[in-house]
Amino acid sequence: MSLKHKEYKEANIRFLEENLEEEGVMELPCGVQYKVILQGKGAVPTTKSMVKVHYKGTLIDGTVFDDSFSRKRPETFRVNEQRSSAHNQEYGESSL
């Protein structure tokens, strides 16, 4: 592992550890972290449900690598509790 790669990996680990200390941030068993910004009031999807979501993926330096908001259309996914926070959220809920 190159020094540059090792430093980048260590910076990412520190970011995730510090981010998890922020109020309201939750972590799934697979390591995905999220924060509810608007509590929903509907049914909670199952792992077999299809959900329509807006999302924005960023690196720790703020670089955006994927953004449904900029495309002006949400994406539809099957809920998979290993990779998604959607199985914990109620209809209408928003999270970061």
Protein backbone atom coordinates (compact mmCIF):
# COMPACT_ATOMS: atom_id res chain seq x y z
CA MET A 1 0.00 0.00 0.00
CA SER A 2 1.48 3.32 -1.03
CA LEU A 3 1.93 6.08 1.54
CA LYS A 4 -0.57 8.25 -0.29
CA HIS A 5 -3.15 5.44 -0.26
CA LYS A 6 -2.44 4.71 3.42
CA GLU A 7 -2.89 8.39 4.37
CA TYR A 8 -6.12 8.62 2.37
CA LYS A 9 -7.49 5.48 4.01
CA GLU A 10 -6.57 6.76 7.48
CA ALA A 11 -8.22 10.13 6.76
CA ASN A 12 -11.41 8.35 5.72
CA ILE A 13 -11.43 6.22 8.86
CA ARG A 14 -10.96 9.35 11.03
CA PHE A 15 -13.78 11.11 9.15
CA LEU A 16 -16.19 8.22 9.75
CA GLU A 17 -15.26 8.01 13.44
CA GLU A 18 -15.72 11.77 13.92
CA ASN A 19 -18.91 11.86 11.85
CA LEU A 20 -20.44 9.13 14.01
CA GLU A 21 -20.01 11.43 17.03
CA GLU A 22 -22.24 14.08 15.41
CA GLU A 23 -25.71 14.33 16.94
CA GLY A 24 -28.24 12.12 15.14
CA VAL A 25 -25.79 10.25 12.91
CA MET A 26 -26.52 6.52 12.75
CA GLU A 27 -24.52 3.68 11.24
CA LEU A 28 -25.71 0.48 9.54
CA PRO A 29 -23.86 -2.82 10.10
CA CYS A 30 -22.21 -2.39 6.66
CA GLY A 31 -20.73 0.98 7.73
CA VAL A 32 -23.11 3.33 5.86
CA GLN A 33 -23.74 6.42 7.98
CA TYR A 34 -26.84 8.61 7.72
CA LYS A 35 -28.73 11.31 9.60
CA VAL A 36 -32.49 11.83 9.57
CA ILE A 37 -33.24 15.47 8.71
CA LEU A 38 -37.04 15.20 8.46
CA GLN A 39 -38.99 12.50 10.29
CA GLY A 40 -41.60 10.73 8.15
CA LYS A 41 -45.05 9.64 9.28
CA GLY A 42 -45.86 6.73 6.99
CA ALA A 43 -45.30 3.03 6.61
CA VAL A 44 -41.80 1.64 7.03
CA PRO A 45 -40.62 -0.22 3.89
CA THR A 46 -39.54 -3.85 4.08
CA THR A 47 -36.38 -5.24 2.51
CA LYS A 48 -38.53 -6.26 -0.50
CA SER A 49 -40.00 -2.77 -1.00
CA MET A 50 -39.10 -0.43 -3.84
CA VAL A 51 -38.35 3.13 -2.70
CA LYS A 52 -37.92 6.38 -4.61
CA VAL A 53 -35.16 8.53 -3.12
CA HIS A 54 -33.12 11.64 -3.70
CA TYR A 55 -29.51 11.35 -2.57
CA LYS A 56 -26.12 12.98 -2.87
CA GLY A 57 -22.89 11.03 -2.49
CA THR A 58 -19.74 12.91 -1.55
CA LEU A 59 -16.15 12.13 -0.67
CA ILE A 60 -14.73 13.42 2.62
CA ASP A 61 -13.34 16.49 0.83
CA GLY A 62 -16.84 17.40 -0.40
CA THR A 63 -16.33 16.17 -3.98
CA VAL A 64 -19.70 14.99 -5.30
CA PHE A 65 -19.57 11.62 -7.05
CA ASP A 66 -23.34 11.12 -7.54
CA ASP A 67 -26.29 13.45 -7.10
CA SER A 68 -29.93 12.74 -7.96
CA PHE A 69 -30.83 16.32 -7.03
CA SER A 70 -28.69 17.71 -9.86
CA ARG A 71 -30.40 15.32 -12.28
CA LYS A 72 -33.73 16.67 -10.98
CA ARG A 73 -35.17 13.21 -10.58
CA PRO A 74 -35.12 10.71 -7.72
CA GLU A 75 -33.91 7.15 -8.26
CA THR A 76 -35.87 4.00 -7.48
CA PHE A 77 -34.18 1.17 -5.59
CA ARG A 78 -35.15 -2.07 -3.92
CA VAL A 79 -34.52 -1.73 -0.21
CA ASN A 80 -31.61 -3.88 0.91
CA GLU A 81 -30.87 -3.58 4.60
CA GLN A 82 -27.18 -4.26 4.06
CA ARG A 83 -26.65 -1.07 2.03
CA SER A 84 -29.55 1.26 2.68
CA SER A 85 -30.92 3.34 5.52
CA ALA A 86 -34.36 3.29 3.84
CA HIS A 87 -35.49 0.18 5.70
CA ASN A 88 -35.32 2.20 8.95
CA GLN A 89 -37.25 5.19 7.63
CA GLU A 90 -40.91 6.01 7.40
CA TYR A 91 -42.58 7.26 4.23
CA GLY A 92 -41.76 10.95 3.72
CA GLU A 93 -38.62 10.92 5.86
CA SER A 94 -35.46 12.69 4.68
CA SER A 95 -31.91 11.88 5.72
CA LEU A 96 -28.33 12.85 4.97
